[in-house]
Protein backbone atom coordinates (compact mmCIF):
# COMPACT_ATOMS: atom_id res chain seq x y z
CA MET A 1 -23.34 25.23 -34.90
CA ARG A 2 -25.43 27.07 -32.07
CA LEU A 3 -26.03 24.21 -29.94
CA LEU A 4 -22.63 23.03 -30.19
CA GLY A 5 -21.61 26.33 -29.17
CA ARG A 6 -24.05 26.37 -26.07
CA ILE A 7 -22.77 22.97 -24.93
CA LEU A 8 -19.11 24.02 -25.18
CA LEU A 9 -20.20 27.20 -23.27
CA ILE A 10 -21.89 25.29 -20.59
CA ILE A 11 -18.74 22.79 -20.39
CA LEU A 12 -16.58 25.72 -20.04
CA ALA A 13 -18.59 27.52 -17.65
CA ILE A 14 -18.91 24.28 -15.36
CA ILE A 15 -15.25 24.17 -15.56
CA GLY A 16 -14.64 27.85 -14.53
CA SER A 17 -17.15 27.46 -11.71
CA LEU A 18 -15.33 24.45 -10.26
CA THR A 19 -12.07 26.30 -10.55
CA LEU A 20 -13.43 29.43 -8.90
CA ALA A 21 -14.99 27.33 -5.93
CA ILE A 22 -11.94 25.60 -5.29
CA ALA A 23 -9.65 28.95 -5.48
CA GLY A 24 -12.59 30.31 -3.09
CA LEU A 25 -12.38 27.54 -0.62
CA GLY A 26 -8.83 27.53 -0.58
CA THR A 27 -9.08 31.65 0.11
CA VAL A 28 -11.45 31.19 2.84
CA ALA A 29 -9.45 28.01 4.44
CA ALA A 30 -6.47 30.29 4.33
CA LEU A 31 -7.79 33.44 6.09
CA SER A 32 -9.61 31.38 8.54
CA HIS A 33 -6.53 29.35 9.71
CA ARG A 34 -3.86 32.04 10.38
CA PRO A 35 -1.24 30.38 11.98
CA GLU A 36 -1.22 30.73 15.68
CA PRO A 37 2.12 30.30 17.27
CA LEU A 38 2.95 26.92 18.79
CA PRO A 39 2.91 26.38 22.63
CA LYS A 40 6.32 26.46 24.34
CA GLN A 41 5.44 23.05 25.82
CA MET A 42 3.23 20.65 24.01
CA VAL A 43 2.22 16.98 23.53
CA LEU A 44 1.86 15.62 20.14
CA LEU A 45 -1.29 14.12 19.57
CA LEU A 46 -1.48 11.27 16.73
CA ASP A 47 -4.88 10.10 15.86
CA LEU A 48 -4.13 6.54 14.54
CA ASN A 49 -8.01 6.09 13.84
CA SER A 50 -7.81 8.57 11.15
CA GLY A 51 -5.14 6.38 9.26
CA VAL A 52 -1.78 6.58 8.21
CA VAL A 53 -1.81 6.18 4.59
CA GLU A 54 0.77 5.19 1.94
CA LYS A 55 0.08 8.63 -0.11
CA MET A 56 -2.15 11.58 0.68
CA PRO A 57 -4.88 12.16 -2.10
CA GLU A 58 -3.86 14.55 -4.69
CA GLY A 59 -5.88 16.85 -7.18
CA PRO A 60 -8.10 19.80 -6.69
CA PHE A 61 -10.40 17.91 -4.20
CA ALA A 62 -7.72 16.51 -1.90
CA GLN A 63 -8.32 19.06 0.86
CA LEU A 64 -11.95 18.49 0.75
CA GLN A 65 -11.62 14.67 1.28
CA GLY A 66 -10.41 14.77 4.74
CA GLY A 67 -10.47 11.56 6.80
CA HIS A 68 -6.74 10.60 6.96
CA SER A 69 -3.81 11.96 9.64
CA MET A 70 -0.86 11.91 7.40
CA ALA A 71 1.02 9.93 5.02
CA VAL A 72 3.71 7.42 6.49
CA ASN A 73 6.71 9.28 5.18
CA GLU A 74 5.44 12.45 6.62
CA LEU A 75 5.11 10.84 9.90
CA VAL A 76 8.49 9.38 10.30
CA GLU A 77 9.95 12.61 9.41
CA THR A 78 7.69 14.66 11.84
CA LEU A 79 8.40 12.15 14.65
CA ASP A 80 12.13 12.52 13.85
CA ARG A 81 11.98 16.26 13.85
CA ALA A 82 9.76 16.23 17.25
CA ALA A 83 12.14 13.60 18.94
CA ARG A 84 14.84 16.79 18.42
CA ASP A 85 12.35 19.59 19.56
CA PRO A 86 12.75 20.72 23.14
CA ALA A 87 9.34 22.38 23.15
CA VAL A 88 7.75 18.95 22.23
CA THR A 89 7.70 16.91 25.79
CA ALA A 90 5.47 13.66 24.95
CA LEU A 91 3.77 11.83 22.32
CA VAL A 92 0.00 10.55 22.81
CA ALA A 93 -2.08 8.75 20.35
CA ARG A 94 -5.49 7.04 20.13
CA LEU A 95 -5.99 3.85 18.30
CA ASP A 96 -9.59 2.21 18.66
CA ARG A 97 -10.16 0.50 15.29
CA GLY A 98 -7.88 -1.52 13.19
CA ALA A 99 -4.17 -1.01 12.42
CA PRO A 100 -2.83 -0.69 8.98
CA GLY A 101 -1.16 -3.51 7.11
CA MET A 102 1.77 -5.11 8.58
CA ALA A 103 4.73 -3.56 7.05
CA ARG A 104 3.16 0.18 7.33
CA THR A 105 2.46 -1.04 11.07
CA GLN A 106 6.11 -1.69 11.33
CA GLU A 107 7.21 1.59 9.84
CA ILE A 108 4.99 3.40 12.55
CA ARG A 109 6.51 1.53 15.41
CA ASP A 110 10.09 2.05 14.19
CA ALA A 111 9.15 5.87 14.27
CA VAL A 112 7.67 5.76 17.68
CA LEU A 113 10.51 3.65 19.18
CA ALA A 114 12.94 5.92 17.74
CA PHE A 115 11.05 8.75 19.29
CA ARG A 116 11.07 7.24 22.58
CA LYS A 117 15.08 7.17 22.36
CA ALA A 118 14.98 10.87 22.98
CA ASN A 119 13.77 10.21 26.57
CA LYS A 120 10.24 11.68 25.87
CA ARG A 121 7.06 9.96 27.20
CA THR A 122 5.06 8.03 24.71
CA VAL A 123 1.42 6.85 25.80
CA LEU A 124 -1.18 5.18 23.89
CA PHE A 125 -4.91 5.18 24.77
CA SER A 126 -7.61 2.89 23.38
CA SER A 127 -11.18 2.50 23.96
CA GLY A 128 -10.62 -1.51 22.98
CA LEU A 129 -8.63 -3.00 20.34
CA GLY A 130 -10.23 -6.00 18.60
CA GLU A 131 -13.77 -5.38 19.68
CA MET A 132 -15.68 -8.10 17.86
CA GLY A 133 -12.51 -8.66 15.58
CA GLY A 134 -8.96 -9.18 15.38
CA GLY A 135 -6.76 -6.78 17.06
CA THR A 136 -3.29 -8.55 16.87
CA VAL A 137 -1.67 -5.88 14.08
CA ALA A 138 -3.25 -3.14 16.59
CA TYR A 139 -1.95 -4.10 19.59
CA TYR A 140 1.30 -4.88 18.15
CA LEU A 141 1.37 -0.91 16.96
CA ALA A 142 0.35 -0.17 20.23
CA SER A 143 3.15 -1.98 22.01
CA ALA A 144 5.77 0.68 20.79
CA PHE A 145 4.36 3.24 23.05
CA GLN A 146 5.65 3.15 26.54
CA GLU A 147 2.65 3.37 28.37
CA ILE A 148 -0.70 1.93 27.02
CA TRP A 149 -3.72 2.98 28.85
CA LEU A 150 -7.34 1.15 28.36
CA GLN A 151 -10.34 1.92 28.92
CA PRO A 152 -11.90 -0.21 31.37
CA SER A 153 -14.79 -1.56 29.56
CA GLY A 154 -12.73 -2.34 26.61
CA GLY A 155 -10.49 -5.47 25.98
CA ILE A 156 -7.41 -6.91 24.14
CA GLY A 157 -7.97 -9.01 20.93
CA LEU A 158 -4.43 -10.14 20.68
CA THR A 159 -5.74 -13.52 18.90
CA GLY A 160 -3.23 -14.13 16.57
CA PHE A 161 -3.36 -14.37 12.74
CA SER A 162 -5.70 -16.40 10.10
CA ALA A 163 -6.04 -16.25 6.35
CA GLU A 164 -9.23 -16.69 4.57
CA ARG A 165 -9.57 -16.73 0.76
CA PRO A 166 -12.90 -17.43 -1.22
CA PHE A 167 -12.92 -20.22 -3.67
CA ILE A 168 -15.68 -20.08 -6.38
CA LYS A 169 -15.06 -23.00 -8.73
CA GLY A 170 -18.55 -24.65 -7.34
CA THR A 171 -20.31 -21.52 -8.42
CA LEU A 172 -18.73 -21.25 -11.78
CA ASP A 173 -19.30 -25.17 -12.11
CA ALA A 174 -23.19 -24.71 -11.32
CA LEU A 175 -23.36 -21.45 -13.78
CA GLY A 176 -21.66 -23.44 -16.57
CA ILE A 177 -18.60 -21.50 -16.71
CA GLN A 178 -15.37 -23.38 -17.65
CA THR A 179 -11.94 -21.72 -16.65
CA GLU A 180 -8.94 -22.28 -18.91
CA PHE A 181 -5.88 -20.90 -16.80
CA GLY A 182 -1.93 -21.56 -16.99
CA ALA A 183 0.60 -20.47 -14.59
CA ARG A 184 4.30 -20.50 -14.06
CA HIS A 185 4.69 -22.27 -11.67
CA GLU A 186 2.91 -24.38 -8.63
CA TYR A 187 3.13 -21.41 -5.96
CA LYS A 188 1.65 -19.02 -8.59
CA SER A 189 -1.88 -19.29 -6.96
CA ALA A 190 -3.98 -16.22 -7.87
CA ILE A 191 -5.91 -18.34 -10.56
CA GLU A 192 -6.76 -20.80 -7.87
CA THR A 193 -9.74 -18.81 -6.80
CA PHE A 194 -11.48 -20.09 -9.86
CA THR A 195 -10.01 -23.30 -10.31
CA GLN A 196 -9.86 -25.06 -6.97
CA THR A 197 -12.22 -25.50 -4.13
CA ARG A 198 -9.56 -25.06 -1.63
CA PHE A 199 -5.95 -24.09 -0.67
CA THR A 200 -3.55 -26.50 -2.79
CA LYS A 201 -0.62 -27.99 -1.10
CA GLU A 202 1.86 -24.93 -2.17
CA SER A 203 -0.69 -22.09 -1.66
CA ARG A 204 -1.47 -23.30 2.05
CA GLU A 205 2.09 -23.82 2.37
CA SER A 206 2.69 -19.92 1.43
CA MET A 207 -0.24 -18.74 3.72
CA GLN A 208 0.81 -20.77 6.81
CA MET A 209 4.35 -19.28 6.03
CA LEU A 210 3.24 -15.77 5.98
CA ILE A 211 1.00 -15.97 9.43
CA ASP A 212 3.70 -18.08 10.91
CA THR A 213 6.42 -15.40 10.41
CA TRP A 214 3.75 -12.51 11.22
CA SER A 215 3.36 -14.29 14.25
CA ARG A 216 6.77 -14.68 15.27
CA GLN A 217 7.53 -10.90 14.58
CA VAL A 218 4.43 -10.08 16.76
CA THR A 219 5.18 -12.26 19.57
CA GLU A 220 8.99 -10.90 19.42
CA GLY A 221 7.99 -7.35 19.40
CA VAL A 222 5.41 -7.44 21.79
CA ALA A 223 7.69 -9.30 23.99
CA ALA A 224 10.71 -6.99 23.96
CA ALA A 225 8.42 -3.85 24.26
CA ARG A 226 6.35 -4.92 27.40
CA GLY A 227 9.42 -7.01 28.95
CA LEU A 228 8.00 -10.38 28.69
CA THR A 229 9.23 -13.37 27.43
CA PRO A 230 7.81 -14.87 23.99
CA PRO A 231 6.23 -17.92 25.36
CA GLN A 232 4.56 -15.47 28.00
CA VAL A 233 2.91 -13.80 24.93
CA LYS A 234 2.12 -16.97 23.24
CA THR A 235 0.22 -17.96 26.12
CA LEU A 236 -1.80 -14.63 26.33
CA VAL A 237 -2.69 -14.74 22.33
CA ASP A 238 -3.96 -18.34 23.15
CA ARG A 239 -6.12 -17.04 25.72
CA ALA A 240 -7.17 -13.89 23.94
CA PRO A 241 -9.68 -11.87 23.29
CA LEU A 242 -8.83 -10.62 27.11
CA LEU A 243 -10.94 -8.24 29.28
CA ALA A 244 -9.26 -5.23 30.30
CA SER A 245 -8.26 -6.25 33.80
CA GLU A 246 -6.84 -9.71 32.08
CA ALA A 247 -4.79 -7.56 29.85
CA LYS A 248 -3.62 -5.83 32.45
CA ASP A 249 -2.90 -8.38 34.93
CA GLY A 250 -1.10 -9.95 31.86
CA GLY A 251 1.54 -7.17 31.34
CA LEU A 252 -0.19 -6.04 28.23
CA VAL A 253 -1.85 -2.90 29.46
CA ASP A 254 -0.21 -0.16 32.18
CA ARG A 255 -3.23 1.40 33.38
CA LEU A 256 -7.10 0.96 32.97
CA ALA A 257 -8.67 4.91 32.52
CA TYR A 258 -10.53 6.85 30.36
CA TRP A 259 -9.31 9.66 28.14
CA ASP A 260 -9.71 12.29 29.94
CA GLU A 261 -7.72 11.40 32.46
CA VAL A 262 -4.70 10.50 29.99
CA VAL A 263 -5.50 14.20 28.92
CA LYS A 264 -5.07 15.38 32.75
CA SER A 265 -1.81 13.44 33.23
CA LEU A 266 -0.30 14.69 29.99
CA THR A 267 -0.91 18.33 30.80
CA GLU A 268 -0.62 18.56 34.59
CA GLY A 269 2.87 20.21 34.08
CA GLY A 270 1.14 23.10 31.66
CA ALA A 271 1.82 21.20 28.26
CA LYS A 272 -0.74 21.97 25.95
CA ILE A 273 -1.99 19.05 23.42
CA VAL A 274 -1.30 19.89 19.78
CA GLY A 275 -2.26 17.61 16.58
CA ILE A 276 0.54 16.43 15.02
CA GLU A 277 -0.76 17.53 11.53
CA LYS A 278 -0.99 21.18 12.83
CA TYR A 279 2.50 20.86 14.33
CA GLN A 280 4.22 19.14 10.98
CA SER A 281 2.14 22.00 8.77
CA ARG A 282 4.34 24.87 11.08
CA LEU A 283 7.64 22.97 10.96
CA PRO A 284 10.06 25.10 8.74
CA PRO A 285 12.14 23.63 6.09
CA GLU A 286 15.30 21.99 6.93
CA PRO A 287 18.17 24.20 6.23
CA ASN A 288 20.61 23.12 3.41
CA ALA A 289 18.20 20.12 2.86
CA VAL A 290 19.30 17.69 -0.09
CA LYS A 291 16.18 16.99 -2.39
CA VAL A 292 15.50 13.64 -3.45
CA ALA A 293 12.47 12.88 -5.45
CA LEU A 294 9.78 10.34 -4.12
CA ILE A 295 7.91 8.56 -6.65
CA TYR A 296 4.80 6.32 -5.76
CA GLY A 297 3.93 2.96 -7.04
CA ILE A 298 1.00 2.02 -5.48
CA GLY A 299 -2.05 -0.14 -6.28
CA GLN A 300 -2.10 -2.67 -9.58
CA VAL A 301 0.23 -2.01 -12.13
CA GLN A 302 -1.42 -1.35 -15.30
CA ARG A 303 -0.62 0.20 -18.71
CA GLY A 304 -1.33 3.54 -19.72
CA SER A 305 -2.27 6.28 -17.91
CA ALA A 306 -4.38 6.35 -14.58
CA GLU A 307 -4.78 9.50 -13.10
CA ASP A 308 -5.97 9.38 -9.26
CA ASN A 309 -9.82 10.11 -9.10
CA PRO A 310 -10.23 13.08 -6.92
CA LEU A 311 -13.18 11.74 -5.08
CA GLU A 312 -12.00 8.45 -4.49
CA GLU A 313 -8.93 6.85 -2.63
CA ASP A 314 -8.36 4.00 -5.18
CA THR A 315 -5.05 4.47 -6.91
CA ALA A 316 -3.31 2.48 -9.78
CA MET A 317 0.40 2.09 -10.49
CA SER A 318 0.33 3.33 -13.67
CA SER A 319 3.37 2.63 -16.20
CA GLU A 320 2.95 6.22 -18.08
CA ARG A 321 2.65 8.22 -14.64
CA VAL A 322 5.60 6.33 -13.16
CA ALA A 323 7.56 6.85 -16.20
CA LYS A 324 6.69 10.53 -16.45
CA ALA A 325 7.92 10.81 -12.83
CA PHE A 326 11.20 9.21 -13.48
CA HIS A 327 11.61 11.62 -16.55
CA GLU A 328 11.03 14.73 -14.49
CA ALA A 329 13.13 13.58 -11.72
CA LEU A 330 15.96 12.89 -14.16
CA LYS A 331 15.82 16.19 -15.85
CA ASP A 332 15.89 17.97 -12.41
CA PRO A 333 19.18 19.12 -11.50
CA SER A 334 18.49 19.76 -8.11
CA ILE A 335 17.38 15.97 -7.30
CA LYS A 336 20.48 13.96 -5.81
CA ALA A 337 18.54 10.55 -5.78
CA ILE A 338 15.35 8.61 -6.44
CA LEU A 339 13.28 6.89 -3.68
CA PHE A 340 10.72 4.71 -5.29
CA ARG A 341 8.05 3.37 -2.39
CA ILE A 342 6.38 0.59 -4.01
CA ASP A 343 3.03 -0.81 -2.49
CA SER A 344 1.54 -3.11 -5.22
CA PRO A 345 0.29 -6.66 -5.70
CA GLY A 346 1.40 -6.73 -9.09
CA GLY A 347 -0.52 -6.82 -12.62
CA SER A 348 0.18 -6.24 -16.19
CA TYR A 349 3.26 -7.88 -17.18
CA THR A 350 4.29 -5.22 -20.04
CA ALA A 351 3.41 -2.55 -17.44
CA SER A 352 5.69 -3.75 -14.96
CA ASP A 353 8.47 -4.22 -17.49
CA ALA A 354 8.05 -0.88 -18.94
CA ILE A 355 8.65 0.61 -15.45
CA TRP A 356 11.52 -1.74 -14.91
CA ARG A 357 13.02 -0.05 -17.99
CA GLU A 358 12.64 3.36 -16.32
CA VAL A 359 14.43 2.43 -12.96
CA THR A 360 17.50 0.69 -15.37
CA ASN A 361 17.69 4.13 -17.31
CA ALA A 362 17.47 6.14 -14.37
CA ARG A 363 20.64 4.18 -12.76
CA ALA A 364 22.40 4.29 -15.89
CA SER A 365 22.17 8.09 -15.84
CA GLY A 366 24.00 8.08 -12.45
CA LYS A 367 21.03 9.23 -9.86
CA PRO A 368 20.91 6.63 -7.48
CA VAL A 369 17.31 4.49 -7.24
CA ILE A 370 16.39 3.18 -3.82
CA VAL A 371 13.19 0.83 -3.37
CA SER A 372 11.11 1.19 -0.04
CA MET A 373 8.54 -1.60 -0.09
CA GLY A 374 5.41 -0.89 1.60
CA ASP A 375 3.02 -3.74 2.83
CA VAL A 376 3.26 -5.55 -0.40
CA ALA A 377 5.58 -5.48 -3.24
CA ALA A 378 5.05 -8.78 -5.02
CA SER A 379 5.02 -10.52 -8.68
CA GLY A 380 4.69 -7.11 -10.86
CA GLY A 381 5.77 -5.01 -7.69
CA TYR A 382 8.85 -7.01 -7.45
CA PHE A 383 9.52 -7.07 -10.96
CA SER A 384 9.46 -2.99 -11.05
CA ALA A 385 11.64 -2.94 -8.20
CA MET A 386 14.31 -5.32 -8.96
CA ALA A 387 16.32 -3.14 -11.10
CA ALA A 388 17.23 -0.71 -8.02
CA ASP A 389 20.37 0.15 -6.64
CA ARG A 390 18.81 -0.88 -3.26
CA ILE A 391 15.71 -2.64 -2.30
CA ILE A 392 14.46 -2.09 1.43
CA ALA A 393 11.42 -3.92 2.75
CA GLN A 394 9.80 -4.25 6.28
CA PRO A 395 10.33 -7.80 7.96
CA GLY A 396 6.63 -8.12 7.47
CA THR A 397 6.32 -7.06 3.76
CA VAL A 398 4.94 -9.51 1.17
CA THR A 399 7.18 -9.56 -1.80
CA GLY A 400 8.36 -12.33 -4.30
CA SER A 401 5.59 -13.90 -6.14
CA ILE A 402 7.82 -14.26 -9.19
CA GLY A 403 5.91 -16.24 -11.63
CA VAL A 404 3.25 -15.58 -14.42
CA PHE A 405 -0.49 -16.65 -15.09
CA SER A 406 -3.08 -15.79 -17.84
CA GLY A 407 -5.89 -17.68 -19.41
CA LYS A 408 -9.79 -16.95 -19.70
CA ILE A 409 -13.18 -18.27 -18.54
CA VAL A 410 -15.40 -20.07 -21.00
CA LEU A 411 -19.03 -18.89 -21.21
CA ALA A 412 -20.30 -21.48 -23.87
CA GLU A 413 -22.40 -23.62 -21.48
CA LEU A 414 -23.84 -20.62 -19.62
CA TRP A 415 -25.05 -19.44 -22.77
CA LYS A 416 -26.75 -22.63 -23.61
CA LYS A 417 -28.50 -22.60 -20.50
CA LEU A 418 -29.68 -19.11 -20.96
CA GLY A 419 -31.08 -19.80 -24.66
CA VAL A 420 -28.26 -17.50 -25.83
CA SER A 421 -26.50 -18.83 -29.42
CA TRP A 422 -23.50 -17.15 -30.72
CA ASP A 423 -22.15 -17.55 -34.31
CA GLU A 424 -18.74 -16.48 -35.82
CA VAL A 425 -16.47 -15.69 -38.65
CA HIS A 426 -12.89 -15.45 -38.50
CA ASN A 427 -9.69 -15.51 -40.82
CA GLY A 428 -7.00 -16.75 -38.74
CA GLN A 429 -5.82 -20.27 -36.90
CA ASN A 430 -5.98 -18.08 -33.68
CA SER A 431 -8.18 -15.05 -34.17
CA ALA A 432 -10.57 -16.29 -31.77
CA ILE A 433 -8.02 -17.20 -29.09
CA TRP A 434 -9.44 -14.92 -26.18
CA SER A 435 -13.08 -15.47 -27.32
CA THR A 436 -14.88 -16.31 -24.20
CA ASN A 437 -17.62 -18.41 -26.23
CA THR A 438 -15.10 -21.22 -27.13
CA PRO A 439 -12.39 -23.24 -25.23
CA PHE A 440 -8.78 -23.00 -26.31
CA SER A 441 -7.68 -25.06 -29.54
CA ALA A 442 -4.45 -27.09 -29.28
CA SER A 443 -3.01 -24.11 -31.32
CA GLY A 444 -4.10 -21.60 -28.60
CA TRP A 445 -2.69 -23.41 -25.56
CA GLU A 446 0.49 -23.85 -27.50
CA ARG A 447 0.59 -20.16 -28.11
CA MET A 448 -0.71 -19.37 -24.41
CA ASN A 449 2.07 -21.51 -23.05
CA THR A 450 4.65 -20.14 -25.14
CA SER A 451 3.95 -16.68 -24.15
CA LEU A 452 4.01 -18.07 -20.16
CA ASP A 453 7.17 -19.62 -20.91
CA HIS A 454 8.75 -16.62 -22.24
CA ILE A 455 7.64 -14.19 -19.61
CA TYR A 456 8.32 -16.54 -16.82
CA ALA A 457 11.96 -16.51 -18.23
CA ASP A 458 12.39 -12.97 -18.70
CA PHE A 459 11.21 -12.33 -15.25
CA THR A 460 13.61 -14.79 -13.77
CA THR A 461 16.34 -13.86 -16.00
CA LYS A 462 15.97 -10.36 -14.87
CA ALA A 463 15.95 -11.05 -11.42
CA GLN A 464 18.81 -13.47 -11.26
CA GLN A 465 21.10 -10.87 -12.99
CA ALA A 466 19.78 -7.79 -10.87
CA ARG A 467 20.32 -9.71 -7.60
CA LYS A 468 23.28 -11.65 -8.59
CA LEU A 469 21.64 -15.09 -8.16
CA LYS A 470 22.87 -18.43 -9.28
CA PRO A 471 20.05 -19.91 -11.89
CA GLU A 472 19.56 -22.74 -9.24
CA ASP A 473 18.79 -20.41 -6.45
CA MET A 474 16.94 -18.30 -8.67
CA ASP A 475 14.31 -21.07 -9.43
CA LYS A 476 13.89 -22.09 -5.95
CA LEU A 477 13.14 -18.44 -5.22
CA ALA A 478 10.61 -18.14 -7.62
CA ARG A 479 8.09 -20.76 -9.13
CA GLY A 480 5.43 -18.13 -7.79
CA ARG A 481 6.54 -18.27 -4.06
CA ILE A 482 5.76 -15.22 -1.80
CA TRP A 483 8.16 -14.13 0.72
CA THR A 484 8.15 -12.12 3.72
CA GLY A 485 10.71 -9.09 3.81
CA ASP A 486 13.14 -10.64 6.32
CA ALA A 487 13.20 -13.91 4.30
CA ALA A 488 13.76 -12.35 1.34
CA LYS A 489 16.68 -10.41 3.03
CA ARG A 490 18.08 -13.80 3.88
CA LEU A 491 17.65 -15.10 0.52
CA GLY A 492 19.14 -12.01 -1.31
CA LEU A 493 15.67 -10.59 -2.97
CA VAL A 494 16.10 -7.53 -0.99
CA ASP A 495 19.16 -5.67 0.82
CA GLN A 496 18.00 -4.60 3.75
CA THR A 497 14.84 -4.70 6.12
CA GLY A 498 13.45 -1.30 7.26
CA GLY A 499 11.51 2.01 5.96
CA TYR A 500 11.93 5.49 5.18
CA ALA A 501 14.50 5.94 7.55
CA ALA A 502 16.73 3.04 6.25
CA ALA A 503 16.07 4.07 2.67
CA LEU A 504 17.33 7.69 3.68
CA VAL A 505 20.62 6.11 5.10
CA GLU A 506 20.83 4.14 1.76
CA ILE A 507 20.50 7.09 -0.09
CA ARG A 508 23.11 9.50 1.81
CA GLU A 509 25.38 6.66 1.23
CA LEU A 510 25.17 5.99 -2.56
CA ALA A 511 24.69 9.71 -3.22
CA ARG A 512 27.78 10.31 -1.10
CA LEU A 513 26.19 12.76 1.25
CA PRO A 514 27.38 13.44 4.88
CA ALA A 515 25.59 11.07 7.26
CA GLN A 516 23.74 13.63 8.91
CA MET A 517 22.84 15.76 5.84
CA PRO A 518 19.15 16.54 6.09
CA VAL A 519 17.10 15.27 3.13
CA THR A 520 13.74 16.64 1.69
CA LEU A 521 11.68 14.14 -0.39
CA VAL A 522 9.84 15.97 -3.25
CA PRO A 523 7.01 14.16 -4.81
CA PHE A 524 6.95 13.56 -8.52
CA PRO A 525 5.32 13.99 -10.93
CA HIS A 526 4.61 17.31 -9.84
CA PRO A 527 0.92 17.44 -8.97
CA LYS A 528 -1.33 19.73 -11.49
CA ALA A 529 -2.69 23.13 -10.82
CA PRO A 530 -6.82 22.78 -10.17
CA PHE A 531 -7.39 24.40 -13.67
CA ASP A 532 -5.08 22.22 -15.46
CA TYR A 533 -6.57 19.15 -13.47
CA LEU A 534 -10.20 19.97 -14.74
CA LEU A 535 -9.27 21.00 -18.17
CA ASP A 536 -7.49 17.63 -18.46
CA ILE A 537 -10.75 15.66 -17.20
CA ALA A 538 -12.90 17.68 -19.67
CA ARG A 539 -10.28 17.16 -22.61
CA ASN A 540 -10.32 13.38 -22.10
CA GLY A 541 -14.10 13.07 -21.68
CA ARG A 542 -13.87 11.87 -18.17
CA LEU A 543 -16.01 14.71 -16.53
CA PRO A 544 -19.06 12.59 -16.41
CA GLU A 545 -17.25 9.93 -15.00
CA GLU A 546 -15.46 12.09 -12.11
CA VAL A 547 -18.91 13.98 -11.14
CA SER A 548 -20.51 10.42 -11.04
CA THR A 549 -18.23 9.40 -8.27
CA ALA A 550 -19.94 12.04 -5.91
CA ILE A 551 -23.08 10.07 -6.12
CA THR A 552 -24.65 8.87 -2.87
CA ILE A 553 -25.52 5.44 -4.22
CA GLU A 554 -21.91 4.72 -4.89
CA ALA A 555 -20.93 5.46 -1.31
CA ARG A 556 -23.53 2.71 -0.21
CA LEU A 557 -22.30 0.22 -2.12
CA THR A 558 -18.59 0.71 -1.64
CA ARG A 559 -18.44 -1.71 1.14
CA LEU A 560 -20.16 -4.43 -0.75
CA LEU A 561 -17.67 -3.64 -3.59
CA THR A 562 -14.69 -3.85 -1.55
CA ALA A 563 -15.43 -7.42 -0.41
CA ILE A 564 -15.73 -8.66 -4.46
CA ARG A 565 -13.42 -6.28 -5.90
CA PRO A 566 -10.28 -8.36 -5.81
CA VAL A 567 -12.02 -11.41 -7.19
CA LEU A 568 -13.51 -9.10 -9.99
CA ALA A 569 -9.96 -7.76 -10.79
CA MET A 570 -8.76 -11.23 -11.24
CA LEU A 571 -11.16 -11.46 -14.21
CA ASP A 572 -10.11 -8.32 -15.65
CA LEU A 573 -6.91 -9.36 -17.09
CA ASP A 574 -4.57 -6.98 -19.14
CA GLY A 575 -2.75 -9.70 -21.15
CA GLN A 576 -0.27 -11.86 -18.94
CA ASP A 577 -0.52 -11.10 -15.40
CA LEU A 578 1.99 -10.92 -12.62
CA ARG A 579 -0.13 -10.62 -9.47
CA MET A 580 -0.89 -11.91 -6.08
CA PRO A 581 -3.91 -13.64 -5.26
CA PRO A 582 -6.65 -11.86 -2.89
CA VAL A 583 -6.47 -13.08 0.65
CA GLU A 584 -8.02 -11.86 3.67
CA VAL A 585 -5.76 -11.92 7.11
CA HIS A 586 -7.36 -11.43 10.36
């Protein structure tokens, strides 16, 4: 008992020390960062190299992580307010590395183009876009700015898109690993990583459609922004990567200069450069703003509870966490509507269905639910969205993928090669259905196919009813096909193209608010206090896991694991799966 007591005291001491440390750091930060008055004339600096993320990290360690500029919804709101602020004379951005995903890039472009309507100067500086890699999306983002300044030694990698995907069937065959999967239907290509050696006709068609559509969107967007024609842009794409002088001669760049020259040009009139995060932190709340709940659905859809790791960026779209957010938002009388932001390739069918139910219940309560899609809201991500009052996606969002797959790998031959033998006892005809040591029996295949048919029917029926489609049209739109946001709007899978700004317009309409009524987005579920967070970690036995994430070796392995994680995740099935395949797009 004494030993147990000492262990308990040590754990409590650790929790107390961490809590005090966090509180101390917060106090020091507060005292050392007393607000200084903003200049009377200022140029906002947006560092796109730091990243514009879907959601800022949460938890007691969030402020210690750094590395991110701000969340995309905060950027949209801040630029909107800056456009109306006479003290803000211009916006300057730096972009040297890769851009965010296609849809998030379009969201930022929309916000910058809206800022430009206030007749305020916008400048983007880059030391080079696409050095030793594709810079198409990065330049697409840059083109939203009125002026593009490029370092003379830089270049523009506006090379267009290519899509790559790994196929490991040959590796599995060599190892003696057998794959047994089923899918509904021919466009549901997630399992092809394991069952094929190249794109099937249907998956190649889907990938080609995706990059062709993105290419069209980039070409038209760049042409409109730079005063060129789409054929002229296409010619430049086929010539790229371009030297700085070639990019300027082609009309893609306005000036060849260095960063200090940009700063001098922007501050000659006496304006001071202010980081956009600093400016955003000093903004007072909008008077008389209506509260709208902001609920995130980011990452793989999974059952149960998944708290964000305070030392990692990885998140999951947990059905329990999303349900908790909806419950809290519905109980809060000050919340007039719910904005559900989804950026997910899908995942567990049962978790997706549980989230669908929460959206349905929220609508029934009388509070409008609007879905805003990020880079991807496909398969289980679309399942979670389809019951909303309105669905809004960017033109480049990847959505649809209405279908399901399931199955397993069989290791029997691999075990033989390794000299490992297995034996078993069982007492049910299908008790070993998910064993990786034996293939499916005839009965096992029958059960799995029955399940796949049931899930596909449930998915398509709910989508058909929610989107008011005819059965024959639903079948053409489903079968596992992916669609871009603009195609999904044309086909009736989403209501409108746009981002947060478009979503707020829909919210005001559905909540019967004045068109110019200010809106404040309130994140749900409410974040935990540091002590509660740490106590919950200890109570659930997660303290060693959280501490272990700080070990240096993990950081060194992160890049390697990032490359193979999507493939490994496909093997970690949680029952029947509604998910898109991992694809590398350049």
